[in-house]
Amino acid sequence: MSYQEDKSLVRTGNAPRVMASLRGLAISLLRLDAHTNIAAANRHYARDPQRGLHLLQTA
């Protein structure tokens, strides 16, 4: 529930599958960066957007 999937209004076409894939990618990147608590990792990266960009560049 870190990404509040139940509140999503994306329901038609390929969009739900794409959003699920993006959420899975985000979780996988956080796990590769040795985070075990996804909610805490999201807060960590939300504080400084440069951290997220650096994570994407190193992946």
PDB file of N, CA and C in Angstrom:
ATOM      1  N   MET A   1       0.810  -1.209   0.000  1.00  0.00           N
ATOM      2  CA  MET A   1       0.000   0.000   0.000  1.00  0.00           C
ATOM      3  C   MET A   1       0.847   1.264   0.000  1.00  0.00           C
ATOM      4  N   SER A   2       2.130   1.158  -0.231  1.00  0.00           N
ATOM      5  CA  SER A   2       2.992   2.343  -0.259  1.00  0.00           C
ATOM      6  C   SER A   2       2.616   3.289  -1.383  1.00  0.00           C
ATOM      7  N   TYR A   3       2.054   2.761  -2.434  1.00  0.00           N
ATOM      8  CA  TYR A   3       1.718   3.587  -3.594  1.00  0.00           C
ATOM      9  C   TYR A   3       0.216   3.799  -3.747  1.00  0.00           C
ATOM     10  N   GLN A   4      -0.562   3.437  -2.761  1.00  0.00           N
ATOM     11  CA  GLN A   4      -2.013   3.650  -2.713  1.00  0.00           C
ATOM     12  C   GLN A   4      -2.708   3.175  -3.986  1.00  0.00           C
ATOM     13  N   GLU A   5      -2.445   1.938  -4.341  1.00  0.00           N
ATOM     14  CA  GLU A   5      -3.010   1.372  -5.562  1.00  0.00           C
ATOM     15  C   GLU A   5      -4.537   1.355  -5.541  1.00  0.00           C
ATOM     16  N   ASP A   6      -5.131   1.170  -4.373  1.00  0.00           N
ATOM     17  CA  ASP A   6      -6.585   1.090  -4.289  1.00  0.00           C
ATOM     18  C   ASP A   6      -7.273   2.421  -4.602  1.00  0.00           C
ATOM     19  N   LYS A   7      -6.567   3.530  -4.458  1.00  0.00           N
ATOM     20  CA  LYS A   7      -7.146   4.849  -4.732  1.00  0.00           C
ATOM     21  C   LYS A   7      -6.952   5.288  -6.178  1.00  0.00           C
ATOM     22  N   SER A   8      -6.256   4.488  -6.960  1.00  0.00           N
ATOM     23  CA  SER A   8      -5.951   4.856  -8.333  1.00  0.00           C
ATOM     24  C   SER A   8      -7.222   4.949  -9.177  1.00  0.00           C
ATOM     25  N   LEU A   9      -7.297   5.956 -10.019  1.00  0.00           N
ATOM     26  CA  LEU A   9      -8.421   6.140 -10.932  1.00  0.00           C
ATOM     27  C   LEU A   9      -8.100   5.603 -12.329  1.00  0.00           C
ATOM     28  N   VAL A  10      -6.914   5.033 -12.484  1.00  0.00           N
ATOM     29  CA  VAL A  10      -6.499   4.474 -13.765  1.00  0.00           C
ATOM     30  C   VAL A  10      -7.148   3.108 -13.921  1.00  0.00           C
ATOM     31  N   ARG A  11      -8.093   3.000 -14.871  1.00  0.00           N
ATOM     32  CA  ARG A  11      -8.852   1.761 -14.974  1.00  0.00           C
ATOM     33  C   ARG A  11      -9.065   1.247 -16.398  1.00  0.00           C
ATOM     34  N   THR A  12      -8.687   2.008 -17.400  1.00  0.00           N
ATOM     35  CA  THR A  12      -9.007   1.577 -18.767  1.00  0.00           C
ATOM     36  C   THR A  12      -7.755   1.391 -19.612  1.00  0.00           C
ATOM     37  N   GLY A  13      -7.906   0.616 -20.650  1.00  0.00           N
ATOM     38  CA  GLY A  13      -6.812   0.394 -21.595  1.00  0.00           C
ATOM     39  C   GLY A  13      -5.631  -0.316 -20.949  1.00  0.00           C
ATOM     40  N   ASN A  14      -4.456   0.057 -21.400  1.00  0.00           N
ATOM     41  CA  ASN A  14      -3.224  -0.543 -20.885  1.00  0.00           C
ATOM     42  C   ASN A  14      -2.684   0.188 -19.662  1.00  0.00           C
ATOM     43  N   ALA A  15      -3.284   1.298 -19.304  1.00  0.00           N
ATOM     44  CA  ALA A  15      -2.769   2.134 -18.218  1.00  0.00           C
ATOM     45  C   ALA A  15      -2.616   1.381 -16.890  1.00  0.00           C
ATOM     46  N   PRO A  16      -3.574   0.558 -16.460  1.00  0.00           N
ATOM     47  CA  PRO A  16      -3.379  -0.152 -15.190  1.00  0.00           C
ATOM     48  C   PRO A  16      -2.154  -1.068 -15.208  1.00  0.00           C
ATOM     49  N   ARG A  17      -1.946  -1.749 -16.312  1.00  0.00           N
ATOM     50  CA  ARG A  17      -0.783  -2.635 -16.428  1.00  0.00           C
ATOM     51  C   ARG A  17       0.516  -1.836 -16.429  1.00  0.00           C
ATOM     52  N   VAL A  18       0.522  -0.710 -17.111  1.00  0.00           N
ATOM     53  CA  VAL A  18       1.715   0.144 -17.143  1.00  0.00           C
ATOM     54  C   VAL A  18       2.024   0.675 -15.750  1.00  0.00           C
ATOM     55  N   MET A  19       0.993   1.140 -15.046  1.00  0.00           N
ATOM     56  CA  MET A  19       1.209   1.662 -13.695  1.00  0.00           C
ATOM     57  C   MET A  19       1.713   0.572 -12.754  1.00  0.00           C
ATOM     58  N   ALA A  20       1.192  -0.628 -12.865  1.00  0.00           N
ATOM     59  CA  ALA A  20       1.658  -1.743 -12.041  1.00  0.00           C
ATOM     60  C   ALA A  20       3.119  -2.061 -12.352  1.00  0.00           C
ATOM     61  N   SER A  21       3.478  -1.984 -13.612  1.00  0.00           N
ATOM     62  CA  SER A  21       4.869  -2.234 -13.998  1.00  0.00           C
ATOM     63  C   SER A  21       5.797  -1.164 -13.440  1.00  0.00           C
ATOM     64  N   LEU A  22       5.366   0.092 -13.487  1.00  0.00           N
ATOM     65  CA  LEU A  22       6.183   1.182 -12.944  1.00  0.00           C
ATOM     66  C   LEU A  22       6.345   1.060 -11.436  1.00  0.00           C
ATOM     67  N   ARG A  23       5.267   0.671 -10.741  1.00  0.00           N
ATOM     68  CA  ARG A  23       5.374   0.456  -9.295  1.00  0.00           C
ATOM     69  C   ARG A  23       6.332  -0.683  -8.989  1.00  0.00           C
ATOM     70  N   GLY A  24       6.245  -1.752  -9.757  1.00  0.00           N
ATOM     71  CA  GLY A  24       7.150  -2.882  -9.569  1.00  0.00           C
ATOM     72  C   GLY A  24       8.599  -2.491  -9.828  1.00  0.00           C
ATOM     73  N   LEU A  25       8.821  -1.675 -10.850  1.00  0.00           N
ATOM     74  CA  LEU A  25      10.163  -1.188 -11.151  1.00  0.00           C
ATOM     75  C   LEU A  25      10.701  -0.354 -10.000  1.00  0.00           C
ATOM     76  N   ALA A  26       9.871   0.547  -9.481  1.00  0.00           N
ATOM     77  CA  ALA A  26      10.298   1.393  -8.365  1.00  0.00           C
ATOM     78  C   ALA A  26      10.674   0.553  -7.145  1.00  0.00           C
ATOM     79  N   ILE A  27       9.859  -0.429  -6.831  1.00  0.00           N
ATOM     80  CA  ILE A  27      10.139  -1.290  -5.678  1.00  0.00           C
ATOM     81  C   ILE A  27      11.415  -2.088  -5.920  1.00  0.00           C
ATOM     82  N   SER A  28      11.606  -2.580  -7.122  1.00  0.00           N
ATOM     83  CA  SER A  28      12.816  -3.350  -7.439  1.00  0.00           C
ATOM     84  C   SER A  28      14.066  -2.485  -7.307  1.00  0.00           C
ATOM     85  N   LEU A  29      13.995  -1.249  -7.780  1.00  0.00           N
ATOM     86  CA  LEU A  29      15.146  -0.345  -7.654  1.00  0.00           C
ATOM     87  C   LEU A  29      15.475  -0.075  -6.190  1.00  0.00           C
ATOM     88  N   LEU A  30      14.438   0.108  -5.381  1.00  0.00           N
ATOM     89  CA  LEU A  30      14.683   0.348  -3.958  1.00  0.00           C
ATOM     90  C   LEU A  30      15.291  -0.879  -3.294  1.00  0.00           C
ATOM     91  N   ARG A  31      14.826  -2.047  -3.672  1.00  0.00           N
ATOM     92  CA  ARG A  31      15.382  -3.283  -3.099  1.00  0.00           C
ATOM     93  C   ARG A  31      16.837  -3.483  -3.544  1.00  0.00           C
ATOM     94  N   LEU A  32      17.147  -3.161  -4.801  1.00  0.00           N
ATOM     95  CA  LEU A  32      18.528  -3.261  -5.274  1.00  0.00           C
ATOM     96  C   LEU A  32      19.448  -2.291  -4.532  1.00  0.00           C
ATOM     97  N   ASP A  33      18.883  -1.213  -4.040  1.00  0.00           N
ATOM     98  CA  ASP A  33      19.651  -0.228  -3.278  1.00  0.00           C
ATOM     99  C   ASP A  33      19.672  -0.594  -1.785  1.00  0.00           C
ATOM    100  N   ALA A  34      19.304  -1.834  -1.474  1.00  0.00           N
ATOM    101  CA  ALA A  34      19.385  -2.412  -0.123  1.00  0.00           C
ATOM    102  C   ALA A  34      18.376  -1.848   0.862  1.00  0.00           C
ATOM    103  N   HIS A  35      17.248  -1.343   0.375  1.00  0.00           N
ATOM    104  CA  HIS A  35      16.185  -0.886   1.274  1.00  0.00           C
ATOM    105  C   HIS A  35      15.240  -2.052   1.541  1.00  0.00           C
ATOM    106  N   THR A  36      14.921  -2.263   2.803  1.00  0.00           N
ATOM    107  CA  THR A  36      13.972  -3.326   3.150  1.00  0.00           C
ATOM    108  C   THR A  36      12.599  -2.755   3.468  1.00  0.00           C
ATOM    109  N   ASN A  37      12.551  -1.504   3.898  1.00  0.00           N
ATOM    110  CA  ASN A  37      11.294  -0.840   4.218  1.00  0.00           C
ATOM    111  C   ASN A  37      10.977   0.131   3.079  1.00  0.00           C
ATOM    112  N   ILE A  38      10.024  -0.220   2.241  1.00  0.00           N
ATOM    113  CA  ILE A  38       9.711   0.579   1.049  1.00  0.00           C
ATOM    114  C   ILE A  38       9.145   1.947   1.422  1.00  0.00           C
ATOM    115  N   ALA A  39       8.282   2.014   2.433  1.00  0.00           N
ATOM    116  CA  ALA A  39       7.703   3.296   2.847  1.00  0.00           C
ATOM    117  C   ALA A  39       8.796   4.237   3.329  1.00  0.00           C
ATOM    118  N   ALA A  40       9.721   3.741   4.122  1.00  0.00           N
ATOM    119  CA  ALA A  40      10.830   4.573   4.612  1.00  0.00           C
ATOM    120  C   ALA A  40      11.728   5.006   3.455  1.00  0.00           C
ATOM    121  N   ALA A  41      11.951   4.113   2.504  1.00  0.00           N
ATOM    122  CA  ALA A  41      12.768   4.456   1.341  1.00  0.00           C
ATOM    123  C   ALA A  41      12.091   5.534   0.503  1.00  0.00           C
ATOM    124  N   ASN A  42      10.772   5.444   0.344  1.00  0.00           N
ATOM    125  CA  ASN A  42      10.046   6.486  -0.395  1.00  0.00           C
ATOM    126  C   ASN A  42      10.199   7.842   0.278  1.00  0.00           C
ATOM    127  N   ARG A  43      10.090   7.871   1.600  1.00  0.00           N
ATOM    128  CA  ARG A  43      10.271   9.135   2.329  1.00  0.00           C
ATOM    129  C   ARG A  43      11.697   9.657   2.158  1.00  0.00           C
ATOM    130  N   HIS A  44      12.667   8.754   2.202  1.00  0.00           N
ATOM    131  CA  HIS A  44      14.072   9.122   2.043  1.00  0.00           C
ATOM    132  C   HIS A  44      14.301   9.806   0.689  1.00  0.00           C
ATOM    133  N   TYR A  45      13.782   9.209  -0.358  1.00  0.00           N
ATOM    134  CA  TYR A  45      13.976   9.768  -1.694  1.00  0.00           C
ATOM    135  C   TYR A  45      13.090  10.983  -1.959  1.00  0.00           C
ATOM    136  N   ALA A  46      11.980  11.098  -1.264  1.00  0.00           N
ATOM    137  CA  ALA A  46      11.092  12.251  -1.457  1.00  0.00           C
ATOM    138  C   ALA A  46      11.712  13.524  -0.881  1.00  0.00           C
ATOM    139  N   ARG A  47      12.568  13.379   0.122  1.00  0.00           N
ATOM    140  CA  ARG A  47      13.192  14.559   0.729  1.00  0.00           C
ATOM    141  C   ARG A  47      14.139  15.278  -0.218  1.00  0.00           C
ATOM    142  N   ASP A  48      14.767  14.531  -1.116  1.00  0.00           N
ATOM    143  CA  ASP A  48      15.738  15.127  -2.040  1.00  0.00           C
ATOM    144  C   ASP A  48      15.599  14.442  -3.403  1.00  0.00           C
ATOM    145  N   PRO A  49      14.956  15.097  -4.358  1.00  0.00           N
ATOM    146  CA  PRO A  49      14.727  14.470  -5.671  1.00  0.00           C
ATOM    147  C   PRO A  49      16.018  14.053  -6.377  1.00  0.00           C
ATOM    148  N   GLN A  50      17.133  14.691  -6.066  1.00  0.00           N
ATOM    149  CA  GLN A  50      18.402  14.317  -6.695  1.00  0.00           C
ATOM    150  C   GLN A  50      18.799  12.887  -6.349  1.00  0.00           C
ATOM    151  N   ARG A  51      18.418  12.425  -5.160  1.00  0.00           N
ATOM    152  CA  ARG A  51      18.719  11.047  -4.772  1.00  0.00           C
ATOM    153  C   ARG A  51      18.043  10.054  -5.721  1.00  0.00           C
ATOM    154  N   GLY A  52      16.795  10.316  -6.040  1.00  0.00           N
ATOM    155  CA  GLY A  52      16.068   9.438  -6.956  1.00  0.00           C
ATOM    156  C   GLY A  52      16.677   9.433  -8.353  1.00  0.00           C
ATOM    157  N   LEU A  53      17.080  10.592  -8.808  1.00  0.00           N
ATOM    158  CA  LEU A  53      17.713  10.674 -10.119  1.00  0.00           C
ATOM    159  C   LEU A  53      19.044   9.920 -10.110  1.00  0.00           C
ATOM    160  N   HIS A  54      19.775  10.043  -9.035  1.00  0.00           N
ATOM    161  CA  HIS A  54      21.053   9.320  -8.928  1.00  0.00           C
ATOM    162  C   HIS A  54      20.800   7.807  -8.927  1.00  0.00           C
ATOM    163  N   LEU A  55      19.752   7.369  -8.229  1.00  0.00           N
ATOM    164  CA  LEU A  55      19.409   5.949  -8.203  1.00  0.00           C
ATOM    165  C   LEU A  55      19.085   5.447  -9.608  1.00  0.00           C
ATOM    166  N   LEU A  56      18.345   6.226 -10.373  1.00  0.00           N
ATOM    167  CA  LEU A  56      18.007   5.832 -11.740  1.00  0.00           C
ATOM    168  C   LEU A  56      19.247   5.776 -12.637  1.00  0.00           C
ATOM    169  N   GLN A  57      20.188   6.679 -12.411  1.00  0.00           N
ATOM    170  CA  GLN A  57      21.392   6.702 -13.227  1.00  0.00           C
ATOM    171  C   GLN A  57      22.300   5.521 -12.929  1.00  0.00           C
ATOM    172  N   THR A  58      22.318   5.056 -11.696  1.00  0.00           N
ATOM    173  CA  THR A  58      23.208   3.966 -11.331  1.00  0.00           C
ATOM    174  C   THR A  58      22.611   2.600 -11.606  1.00  0.00           C
ATOM    175  N   ALA A  59      21.314   2.547 -11.859  1.00  0.00           N
ATOM    176  CA  ALA A  59      20.650   1.242 -12.078  1.00  0.00           C
ATOM    177  C   ALA A  59      20.913   0.702 -13.460  1.00  0.00           C
TER     178      ALA A  59
END
